Amino acid sequence: MGESLAKAARRVLSSHGIVANDFYLVGVYPIKFPSRFDISICVAAHSFSGAPVPDGIEFKKIGWFRNLPKGTGKNYCRMIDKWRKIRRSAQVLKFNRL
């Protein structure tokens, strides 16, 4: 609470061994589950470094992929597809920079 999206992204990523800067808002996504309704905020960065470390609770596996692994959830696929589209537009990136 009271934290910017960029600062929150840095904090969450650093807790998993990843360093990134220059964040962009990809979108806000409502996600409906059988027992609840969530709102996910998708933030992306052009560059990053570090070796991802899973916490064993929220993430059991973390890795870098050129292609999405089989079984990637539809909601995550939508977010990644949108990032792939907007990262090519300098105007959109300028507008969405955090």
PDB file of N, CA and C in Angstrom:
ATOM      1  N   MET A   1       0.837  -1.165   0.000  1.00  0.00           N
ATOM      2  CA  MET A   1       0.000   0.000   0.000  1.00  0.00           C
ATOM      3  C   MET A   1       0.895   1.245   0.000  1.00  0.00           C
ATOM      4  N   GLY A   2       0.566   2.208  -0.835  1.00  0.00           N
ATOM      5  CA  GLY A   2       1.355   3.424  -0.927  1.00  0.00           C
ATOM      6  C   GLY A   2       2.633   3.265  -1.729  1.00  0.00           C
ATOM      7  N   GLU A   3       2.764   2.153  -2.441  1.00  0.00           N
ATOM      8  CA  GLU A   3       3.964   1.846  -3.210  1.00  0.00           C
ATOM      9  C   GLU A   3       3.650   1.995  -4.696  1.00  0.00           C
ATOM     10  N   SER A   4       4.540   2.589  -5.462  1.00  0.00           N
ATOM     11  CA  SER A   4       4.313   2.704  -6.907  1.00  0.00           C
ATOM     12  C   SER A   4       4.389   1.319  -7.556  1.00  0.00           C
ATOM     13  N   LEU A   5       3.820   1.198  -8.744  1.00  0.00           N
ATOM     14  CA  LEU A   5       3.883  -0.084  -9.457  1.00  0.00           C
ATOM     15  C   LEU A   5       5.332  -0.474  -9.745  1.00  0.00           C
ATOM     16  N   ALA A   6       6.140   0.494 -10.160  1.00  0.00           N
ATOM     17  CA  ALA A   6       7.544   0.194 -10.465  1.00  0.00           C
ATOM     18  C   ALA A   6       8.282  -0.289  -9.215  1.00  0.00           C
ATOM     19  N   LYS A   7       8.048   0.378  -8.094  1.00  0.00           N
ATOM     20  CA  LYS A   7       8.718  -0.027  -6.852  1.00  0.00           C
ATOM     21  C   LYS A   7       8.247  -1.413  -6.410  1.00  0.00           C
ATOM     22  N   ALA A   8       6.956  -1.683  -6.545  1.00  0.00           N
ATOM     23  CA  ALA A   8       6.414  -3.001  -6.190  1.00  0.00           C
ATOM     24  C   ALA A   8       7.007  -4.079  -7.095  1.00  0.00           C
ATOM     25  N   ALA A   9       7.107  -3.796  -8.391  1.00  0.00           N
ATOM     26  CA  ALA A   9       7.684  -4.765  -9.331  1.00  0.00           C
ATOM     27  C   ALA A   9       9.135  -5.054  -8.968  1.00  0.00           C
ATOM     28  N   ARG A  10       9.915  -4.004  -8.670  1.00  0.00           N
ATOM     29  CA  ARG A  10      11.309  -4.191  -8.260  1.00  0.00           C
ATOM     30  C   ARG A  10      11.407  -5.061  -7.007  1.00  0.00           C
ATOM     31  N   ARG A  11      10.545  -4.788  -6.039  1.00  0.00           N
ATOM     32  CA  ARG A  11      10.563  -5.536  -4.770  1.00  0.00           C
ATOM     33  C   ARG A  11      10.236  -7.011  -4.995  1.00  0.00           C
ATOM     34  N   VAL A  12       9.169  -7.284  -5.742  1.00  0.00           N
ATOM     35  CA  VAL A  12       8.757  -8.677  -5.979  1.00  0.00           C
ATOM     36  C   VAL A  12       9.825  -9.414  -6.779  1.00  0.00           C
ATOM     37  N   LEU A  13      10.330  -8.788  -7.830  1.00  0.00           N
ATOM     38  CA  LEU A  13      11.363  -9.441  -8.632  1.00  0.00           C
ATOM     39  C   LEU A  13      12.627  -9.701  -7.823  1.00  0.00           C
ATOM     40  N   SER A  14      13.041  -8.720  -7.017  1.00  0.00           N
ATOM     41  CA  SER A  14      14.275  -8.908  -6.238  1.00  0.00           C
ATOM     42  C   SER A  14      14.128 -10.038  -5.219  1.00  0.00           C
ATOM     43  N   SER A  15      12.911 -10.259  -4.728  1.00  0.00           N
ATOM     44  CA  SER A  15      12.704 -11.367  -3.790  1.00  0.00           C
ATOM     45  C   SER A  15      12.868 -12.725  -4.471  1.00  0.00           C
ATOM     46  N   HIS A  16      12.877 -12.720  -5.806  1.00  0.00           N
ATOM     47  CA  HIS A  16      13.073 -13.952  -6.582  1.00  0.00           C
ATOM     48  C   HIS A  16      14.399 -13.930  -7.344  1.00  0.00           C
ATOM     49  N   GLY A  17      15.321 -13.036  -6.938  1.00  0.00           N
ATOM     50  CA  GLY A  17      16.658 -13.010  -7.522  1.00  0.00           C
ATOM     51  C   GLY A  17      16.773 -12.307  -8.856  1.00  0.00           C
ATOM     52  N   ILE A  18      15.808 -11.482  -9.224  1.00  0.00           N
ATOM     53  CA  ILE A  18      15.808 -10.818 -10.528  1.00  0.00           C
ATOM     54  C   ILE A  18      15.904  -9.306 -10.326  1.00  0.00           C
ATOM     55  N   VAL A  19      16.738  -8.668 -11.131  1.00  0.00           N
ATOM     56  CA  VAL A  19      16.878  -7.212 -11.111  1.00  0.00           C
ATOM     57  C   VAL A  19      16.369  -6.683 -12.450  1.00  0.00           C
ATOM     58  N   ALA A  20      15.473  -5.688 -12.401  1.00  0.00           N
ATOM     59  CA  ALA A  20      14.942  -5.078 -13.623  1.00  0.00           C
ATOM     60  C   ALA A  20      14.611  -3.621 -13.347  1.00  0.00           C
ATOM     61  N   ASN A  21      14.632  -2.823 -14.404  1.00  0.00           N
ATOM     62  CA  ASN A  21      14.282  -1.408 -14.339  1.00  0.00           C
ATOM     63  C   ASN A  21      13.516  -1.046 -15.603  1.00  0.00           C
ATOM     64  N   ASP A  22      13.118   0.208 -15.713  1.00  0.00           N
ATOM     65  CA  ASP A  22      12.383   0.688 -16.886  1.00  0.00           C
ATOM     66  C   ASP A  22      11.136  -0.157 -17.127  1.00  0.00           C
ATOM     67  N   PHE A  23      10.190  -0.018 -16.220  1.00  0.00           N
ATOM     68  CA  PHE A  23       8.964  -0.806 -16.278  1.00  0.00           C
ATOM     69  C   PHE A  23       7.884  -0.137 -17.119  1.00  0.00           C
ATOM     70  N   TYR A  24       7.045  -0.968 -17.690  1.00  0.00           N
ATOM     71  CA  TYR A  24       5.932  -0.525 -18.524  1.00  0.00           C
ATOM     72  C   TYR A  24       4.661  -1.239 -18.085  1.00  0.00           C
ATOM     73  N   LEU A  25       3.567  -0.496 -18.057  1.00  0.00           N
ATOM     74  CA  LEU A  25       2.274  -1.093 -17.743  1.00  0.00           C
ATOM     75  C   LEU A  25       1.746  -1.782 -18.998  1.00  0.00           C
ATOM     76  N   VAL A  26       1.516  -3.073 -18.904  1.00  0.00           N
ATOM     77  CA  VAL A  26       0.959  -3.840 -20.023  1.00  0.00           C
ATOM     78  C   VAL A  26      -0.556  -3.787 -19.962  1.00  0.00           C
ATOM     79  N   GLY A  27      -1.123  -3.936 -18.773  1.00  0.00           N
ATOM     80  CA  GLY A  27      -2.571  -3.871 -18.642  1.00  0.00           C
ATOM     81  C   GLY A  27      -3.048  -4.335 -17.282  1.00  0.00           C
ATOM     82  N   VAL A  28      -4.326  -4.138 -17.069  1.00  0.00           N
ATOM     83  CA  VAL A  28      -5.002  -4.583 -15.852  1.00  0.00           C
ATOM     84  C   VAL A  28      -6.027  -5.617 -16.295  1.00  0.00           C
ATOM     85  N   TYR A  29      -5.965  -6.796 -15.705  1.00  0.00           N
ATOM     86  CA  TYR A  29      -6.763  -7.930 -16.161  1.00  0.00           C
ATOM     87  C   TYR A  29      -7.638  -8.491 -15.054  1.00  0.00           C
ATOM     88  N   PRO A  30      -8.947  -8.497 -15.271  1.00  0.00           N
ATOM     89  CA  PRO A  30      -9.820  -9.206 -14.337  1.00  0.00           C
ATOM     90  C   PRO A  30      -9.717 -10.704 -14.622  1.00  0.00           C
ATOM     91  N   ILE A  31      -9.551 -11.494 -13.580  1.00  0.00           N
ATOM     92  CA  ILE A  31      -9.416 -12.947 -13.748  1.00  0.00           C
ATOM     93  C   ILE A  31     -10.413 -13.623 -12.826  1.00  0.00           C
ATOM     94  N   LYS A  32     -11.278 -14.411 -13.432  1.00  0.00           N
ATOM     95  CA  LYS A  32     -12.327 -15.086 -12.676  1.00  0.00           C
ATOM     96  C   LYS A  32     -11.951 -16.548 -12.450  1.00  0.00           C
ATOM     97  N   PHE A  33     -11.952 -16.929 -11.200  1.00  0.00           N
ATOM     98  CA  PHE A  33     -11.725 -18.309 -10.800  1.00  0.00           C
ATOM     99  C   PHE A  33     -13.045 -18.865 -10.276  1.00  0.00           C
ATOM    100  N   PRO A  34     -13.165 -20.181 -10.154  1.00  0.00           N
ATOM    101  CA  PRO A  34     -14.418 -20.743  -9.636  1.00  0.00           C
ATOM    102  C   PRO A  34     -14.794 -20.224  -8.242  1.00  0.00           C
ATOM    103  N   SER A  35     -13.780 -19.937  -7.405  1.00  0.00           N
ATOM    104  CA  SER A  35     -14.081 -19.542  -6.028  1.00  0.00           C
ATOM    105  C   SER A  35     -13.775 -18.074  -5.701  1.00  0.00           C
ATOM    106  N   ARG A  36     -13.219 -17.326  -6.669  1.00  0.00           N
ATOM    107  CA  ARG A  36     -12.885 -15.927  -6.393  1.00  0.00           C
ATOM    108  C   ARG A  36     -12.719 -15.154  -7.696  1.00  0.00           C
ATOM    109  N   PHE A  37     -12.544 -13.854  -7.537  1.00  0.00           N
ATOM    110  CA  PHE A  37     -12.344 -12.959  -8.678  1.00  0.00           C
ATOM    111  C   PHE A  37     -11.145 -12.077  -8.349  1.00  0.00           C
ATOM    112  N   ASP A  38     -10.117 -12.101  -9.188  1.00  0.00           N
ATOM    113  CA  ASP A  38      -8.896 -11.331  -8.941  1.00  0.00           C
ATOM    114  C   ASP A  38      -8.715 -10.251 -10.000  1.00  0.00           C
ATOM    115  N   ILE A  39      -7.898  -9.287  -9.667  1.00  0.00           N
ATOM    116  CA  ILE A  39      -7.450  -8.287 -10.617  1.00  0.00           C
ATOM    117  C   ILE A  39      -5.931  -8.410 -10.677  1.00  0.00           C
ATOM    118  N   SER A  40      -5.398  -8.669 -11.861  1.00  0.00           N
ATOM    119  CA  SER A  40      -3.949  -8.780 -12.036  1.00  0.00           C
ATOM    120  C   SER A  40      -3.448  -7.560 -12.784  1.00  0.00           C
ATOM    121  N   ILE A  41      -2.356  -6.997 -12.301  1.00  0.00           N
ATOM    122  CA  ILE A  41      -1.712  -5.870 -12.971  1.00  0.00           C
ATOM    123  C   ILE A  41      -0.437  -6.406 -13.596  1.00  0.00           C
ATOM    124  N   CYS A  42      -0.351  -6.311 -14.915  1.00  0.00           N
ATOM    125  CA  CYS A  42       0.799  -6.845 -15.637  1.00  0.00           C
ATOM    126  C   CYS A  42       1.767  -5.708 -15.957  1.00  0.00           C
ATOM    127  N   VAL A  43       3.008  -5.872 -15.496  1.00  0.00           N
ATOM    128  CA  VAL A  43       4.079  -4.914 -15.707  1.00  0.00           C
ATOM    129  C   VAL A  43       5.215  -5.666 -16.387  1.00  0.00           C
ATOM    130  N   ALA A  44       5.863  -5.023 -17.358  1.00  0.00           N
ATOM    131  CA  ALA A  44       6.973  -5.663 -18.072  1.00  0.00           C
ATOM    132  C   ALA A  44       8.179  -4.739 -18.073  1.00  0.00           C
ATOM    133  N   ALA A  45       9.342  -5.309 -18.369  1.00  0.00           N
ATOM    134  CA  ALA A  45      10.586  -4.548 -18.484  1.00  0.00           C
ATOM    135  C   ALA A  45      11.328  -5.039 -19.716  1.00  0.00           C
ATOM    136  N   HIS A  46      12.046  -4.124 -20.362  1.00  0.00           N
ATOM    137  CA  HIS A  46      12.829  -4.509 -21.547  1.00  0.00           C
ATOM    138  C   HIS A  46      14.046  -5.346 -21.183  1.00  0.00           C
ATOM    139  N   SER A  47      14.686  -5.021 -20.070  1.00  0.00           N
ATOM    140  CA  SER A  47      15.898  -5.751 -19.720  1.00  0.00           C
ATOM    141  C   SER A  47      15.858  -6.165 -18.251  1.00  0.00           C
ATOM    142  N   PHE A  48      16.560  -7.226 -17.979  1.00  0.00           N
ATOM    143  CA  PHE A  48      16.574  -7.786 -16.632  1.00  0.00           C
ATOM    144  C   PHE A  48      17.825  -8.635 -16.493  1.00  0.00           C
ATOM    145  N   SER A  49      18.162  -8.975 -15.269  1.00  0.00           N
ATOM    146  CA  SER A  49      19.297  -9.855 -15.021  1.00  0.00           C
ATOM    147  C   SER A  49      19.033 -10.651 -13.752  1.00  0.00           C
ATOM    148  N   GLY A  50      19.868 -11.638 -13.542  1.00  0.00           N
ATOM    149  CA  GLY A  50      19.739 -12.453 -12.348  1.00  0.00           C
ATOM    150  C   GLY A  50      19.299 -13.863 -12.659  1.00  0.00           C
ATOM    151  N   ALA A  51      19.475 -14.704 -11.693  1.00  0.00           N
ATOM    152  CA  ALA A  51      19.042 -16.095 -11.800  1.00  0.00           C
ATOM    153  C   ALA A  51      17.761 -16.235 -10.991  1.00  0.00           C
ATOM    154  N   PRO A  52      16.636 -16.531 -11.647  1.00  0.00           N
ATOM    155  CA  PRO A  52      15.369 -16.626 -10.915  1.00  0.00           C
ATOM    156  C   PRO A  52      15.393 -17.734  -9.868  1.00  0.00           C
ATOM    157  N   VAL A  53      14.863 -17.409  -8.690  1.00  0.00           N
ATOM    158  CA  VAL A  53      14.830 -18.346  -7.576  1.00  0.00           C
ATOM    159  C   VAL A  53      13.380 -18.516  -7.117  1.00  0.00           C
ATOM    160  N   PRO A  54      12.817 -19.719  -7.262  1.00  0.00           N
ATOM    161  CA  PRO A  54      11.448 -19.943  -6.788  1.00  0.00           C
ATOM    162  C   PRO A  54      11.397 -19.960  -5.267  1.00  0.00           C
ATOM    163  N   ASP A  55      10.267 -19.528  -4.734  1.00  0.00           N
ATOM    164  CA  ASP A  55      10.112 -19.527  -3.273  1.00  0.00           C
ATOM    165  C   ASP A  55       9.486 -20.812  -2.759  1.00  0.00           C
ATOM    166  N   GLY A  56       9.019 -21.678  -3.653  1.00  0.00           N
ATOM    167  CA  GLY A  56       8.419 -22.943  -3.247  1.00  0.00           C
ATOM    168  C   GLY A  56       6.980 -22.822  -2.790  1.00  0.00           C
ATOM    169  N   ILE A  57       6.473 -21.608  -2.694  1.00  0.00           N
ATOM    170  CA  ILE A  57       5.086 -21.383  -2.270  1.00  0.00           C
ATOM    171  C   ILE A  57       4.287 -20.826  -3.440  1.00  0.00           C
ATOM    172  N   GLU A  58       4.627 -19.594  -3.812  1.00  0.00           N
ATOM    173  CA  GLU A  58       3.933 -18.979  -4.944  1.00  0.00           C
ATOM    174  C   GLU A  58       4.467 -19.521  -6.266  1.00  0.00           C
ATOM    175  N   PHE A  59       5.773 -19.718  -6.326  1.00  0.00           N
ATOM    176  CA  PHE A  59       6.419 -20.246  -7.531  1.00  0.00           C
ATOM    177  C   PHE A  59       7.223 -21.481  -7.179  1.00  0.00           C
ATOM    178  N   LYS A  60       6.906 -22.591  -7.820  1.00  0.00           N
ATOM    179  CA  LYS A  60       7.682 -23.815  -7.615  1.00  0.00           C
ATOM    180  C   LYS A  60       8.807 -23.911  -8.634  1.00  0.00           C
ATOM    181  N   LYS A  61       8.580 -23.300  -9.828  1.00  0.00           N
ATOM    182  CA  LYS A  61       9.593 -23.265 -10.880  1.00  0.00           C
ATOM    183  C   LYS A  61       9.561 -21.883 -11.522  1.00  0.00           C
ATOM    184  N   ILE A  62      10.731 -21.372 -11.828  1.00  0.00           N
ATOM    185  CA  ILE A  62      10.850 -20.105 -12.555  1.00  0.00           C
ATOM    186  C   ILE A  62      11.944 -20.308 -13.583  1.00  0.00           C
ATOM    187  N   GLY A  63      11.759 -19.773 -14.775  1.00  0.00           N
ATOM    188  CA  GLY A  63      12.796 -19.890 -15.788  1.00  0.00           C
ATOM    189  C   GLY A  63      12.587 -18.900 -16.912  1.00  0.00           C
ATOM    190  N   TRP A  64      13.599 -18.781 -17.768  1.00  0.00           N
ATOM    191  CA  TRP A  64      13.533 -17.930 -18.948  1.00  0.00           C
ATOM    192  C   TRP A  64      13.177 -18.822 -20.139  1.00  0.00           C
ATOM    193  N   PHE A  65      12.249 -18.365 -20.958  1.00  0.00           N
ATOM    194  CA  PHE A  65      11.784 -19.164 -22.093  1.00  0.00           C
ATOM    195  C   PHE A  65      11.710 -18.311 -23.353  1.00  0.00           C
ATOM    196  N   ARG A  66      12.098 -18.877 -24.472  1.00  0.00           N
ATOM    197  CA  ARG A  66      11.907 -18.217 -25.767  1.00  0.00           C
ATOM    198  C   ARG A  66      10.468 -18.419 -26.235  1.00  0.00           C
ATOM    199  N   ASN A  67       9.949 -19.589 -25.994  1.00  0.00           N
ATOM    200  CA  ASN A  67       8.564 -19.917 -26.345  1.00  0.00           C
ATOM    201  C   ASN A  67       7.836 -20.298 -25.064  1.00  0.00           C
ATOM    202  N   LEU A  68       6.557 -19.993 -25.022  1.00  0.00           N
ATOM    203  CA  LEU A  68       5.782 -20.309 -23.825  1.00  0.00           C
ATOM    204  C   LEU A  68       5.709 -21.820 -23.611  1.00  0.00           C
ATOM    205  N   PRO A  69       5.914 -22.259 -22.385  1.00  0.00           N
ATOM    206  CA  PRO A  69       5.806 -23.695 -22.097  1.00  0.00           C
ATOM    207  C   PRO A  69       4.359 -24.165 -22.261  1.00  0.00           C
ATOM    208  N   LYS A  70       4.202 -25.426 -22.602  1.00  0.00           N
ATOM    209  CA  LYS A  70       2.856 -25.999 -22.684  1.00  0.00           C
ATOM    210  C   LYS A  70       2.203 -25.892 -21.319  1.00  0.00           C
ATOM    211  N   GLY A  71       0.927 -25.602 -21.319  1.00  0.00           N
ATOM    212  CA  GLY A  71       0.197 -25.504 -20.070  1.00  0.00           C
ATOM    213  C   GLY A  71       0.187 -24.106 -19.467  1.00  0.00           C
ATOM    214  N   THR A  72       0.796 -23.134 -20.163  1.00  0.00           N
ATOM    215  CA  THR A  72       0.757 -21.757 -19.661  1.00  0.00           C
ATOM    216  C   THR A  72      -0.695 -21.290 -19.685  1.00  0.00           C
ATOM    217  N   GLY A  73      -1.159 -20.723 -18.594  1.00  0.00           N
ATOM    218  CA  GLY A  73      -2.551 -20.299 -18.471  1.00  0.00           C
ATOM    219  C   GLY A  73      -2.960 -19.265 -19.512  1.00  0.00           C
ATOM    220  N   LYS A  74      -4.235 -19.296 -19.896  1.00  0.00           N
ATOM    221  CA  LYS A  74      -4.761 -18.379 -20.913  1.00  0.00           C
ATOM    222  C   LYS A  74      -4.560 -16.925 -20.520  1.00  0.00           C
ATOM    223  N   ASN A  75      -4.763 -16.626 -19.240  1.00  0.00           N
ATOM    224  CA  ASN A  75      -4.604 -15.240 -18.795  1.00  0.00           C
ATOM    225  C   ASN A  75      -3.169 -14.763 -18.986  1.00  0.00           C
ATOM    226  N   TYR A  76      -2.192 -15.604 -18.661  1.00  0.00           N
ATOM    227  CA  TYR A  76      -0.794 -15.235 -18.837  1.00  0.00           C
ATOM    228  C   TYR A  76      -0.464 -15.096 -20.320  1.00  0.00           C
ATOM    229  N   CYS A  77      -1.021 -15.968 -21.141  1.00  0.00           N
ATOM    230  CA  CYS A  77      -0.800 -15.876 -22.592  1.00  0.00           C
ATOM    231  C   CYS A  77      -1.316 -14.541 -23.136  1.00  0.00           C
ATOM    232  N   ARG A  78      -2.479 -14.098 -22.669  1.00  0.00           N
ATOM    233  CA  ARG A  78      -3.028 -12.804 -23.111  1.00  0.00           C
ATOM    234  C   ARG A  78      -2.090 -11.665 -22.733  1.00  0.00           C
ATOM    235  N   MET A  79      -1.575 -11.703 -21.511  1.00  0.00           N
ATOM    236  CA  MET A  79      -0.682 -10.646 -21.049  1.00  0.00           C
ATOM    237  C   MET A  79       0.604 -10.616 -21.868  1.00  0.00           C
ATOM    238  N   ILE A  80       1.182 -11.773 -22.107  1.00  0.00           N
ATOM    239  CA  ILE A  80       2.431 -11.857 -22.861  1.00  0.00           C
ATOM    240  C   ILE A  80       2.207 -11.440 -24.310  1.00  0.00           C
ATOM    241  N   ASP A  81       1.111 -11.856 -24.913  1.00  0.00           N
ATOM    242  CA  ASP A  81       0.796 -11.443 -26.285  1.00  0.00           C
ATOM    243  C   ASP A  81       0.670  -9.930 -26.396  1.00  0.00           C
ATOM    244  N   LYS A  82       0.019  -9.313 -25.412  1.00  0.00           N
ATOM    245  CA  LYS A  82      -0.130  -7.857 -25.448  1.00  0.00           C
ATOM    246  C   LYS A  82       1.232  -7.182 -25.320  1.00  0.00           C
ATOM    247  N   TRP A  83       2.082  -7.651 -24.412  1.00  0.00           N
ATOM    248  CA  TRP A  83       3.409  -7.076 -24.274  1.00  0.00           C
ATOM    249  C   TRP A  83       4.188  -7.208 -25.574  1.00  0.00           C
ATOM    250  N   ARG A  84       4.119  -8.335 -26.229  1.00  0.00           N
ATOM    251  CA  ARG A  84       4.830  -8.535 -27.500  1.00  0.00           C
ATOM    252  C   ARG A  84       4.382  -7.516 -28.546  1.00  0.00           C
ATOM    253  N   LYS A  85       3.119  -7.131 -28.509  1.00  0.00           N
ATOM    254  CA  LYS A  85       2.598  -6.140 -29.464  1.00  0.00           C
ATOM    255  C   LYS A  85       3.024  -4.728 -29.085  1.00  0.00           C
ATOM    256  N   ILE A  86       2.847  -4.343 -27.817  1.00  0.00           N
ATOM    257  CA  ILE A  86       3.096  -2.945 -27.456  1.00  0.00           C
ATOM    258  C   ILE A  86       4.572  -2.600 -27.360  1.00  0.00           C
ATOM    259  N   ARG A  87       5.439  -3.571 -27.132  1.00  0.00           N
ATOM    260  CA  ARG A  87       6.869  -3.253 -26.987  1.00  0.00           C
ATOM    261  C   ARG A  87       7.486  -2.785 -28.299  1.00  0.00           C
ATOM    262  N   ARG A  88       6.789  -2.975 -29.407  1.00  0.00           N
ATOM    263  CA  ARG A  88       7.288  -2.544 -30.720  1.00  0.00           C
ATOM    264  C   ARG A  88       6.904  -1.112 -31.064  1.00  0.00           C
ATOM    265  N   SER A  89       6.063  -0.499 -30.246  1.00  0.00           N
ATOM    266  CA  SER A  89       5.578   0.847 -30.530  1.00  0.00           C
ATOM    267  C   SER A  89       6.186   1.853 -29.556  1.00  0.00           C
ATOM    268  N   ALA A  90       7.076   2.700 -30.063  1.00  0.00           N
ATOM    269  CA  ALA A  90       7.705   3.715 -29.202  1.00  0.00           C
ATOM    270  C   ALA A  90       6.681   4.619 -28.555  1.00  0.00           C
ATOM    271  N   GLN A  91       5.622   4.954 -29.275  1.00  0.00           N
ATOM    272  CA  GLN A  91       4.596   5.849 -28.743  1.00  0.00           C
ATOM    273  C   GLN A  91       3.853   5.177 -27.585  1.00  0.00           C
ATOM    274  N   VAL A  92       3.491   3.932 -27.750  1.00  0.00           N
ATOM    275  CA  VAL A  92       2.772   3.214 -26.681  1.00  0.00           C
ATOM    276  C   VAL A  92       3.686   3.027 -25.481  1.00  0.00           C
ATOM    277  N   LEU A  93       4.939   2.680 -25.722  1.00  0.00           N
ATOM    278  CA  LEU A  93       5.882   2.510 -24.615  1.00  0.00           C
ATOM    279  C   LEU A  93       6.046   3.806 -23.834  1.00  0.00           C
ATOM    280  N   LYS A  94       6.153   4.922 -24.546  1.00  0.00           N
ATOM    281  CA  LYS A  94       6.297   6.218 -23.868  1.00  0.00           C
ATOM    282  C   LYS A  94       5.085   6.480 -22.983  1.00  0.00           C
ATOM    283  N   PHE A  95       3.906   6.188 -23.484  1.00  0.00           N
ATOM    284  CA  PHE A  95       2.663   6.407 -22.728  1.00  0.00           C
ATOM    285  C   PHE A  95       2.560   5.467 -21.536  1.00  0.00           C
ATOM    286  N   ASN A  96       3.045   4.237 -21.663  1.00  0.00           N
ATOM    287  CA  ASN A  96       2.875   3.206 -20.626  1.00  0.00           C
ATOM    288  C   ASN A  96       4.054   3.091 -19.671  1.00  0.00           C
ATOM    289  N   ARG A  97       5.060   3.932 -19.829  1.00  0.00           N
ATOM    290  CA  ARG A  97       6.235   3.845 -18.948  1.00  0.00           C
ATOM    291  C   ARG A  97       5.867   4.226 -17.517  1.00  0.00           C
ATOM    292  N   LEU A  98       6.360   3.460 -16.564  1.00  0.00           N
ATOM    293  CA  LEU A  98       6.075   3.722 -15.149  1.00  0.00           C
ATOM    294  C   LEU A  98       7.186   4.522 -14.508  1.00  0.00           C
TER     295      LEU A  98
END
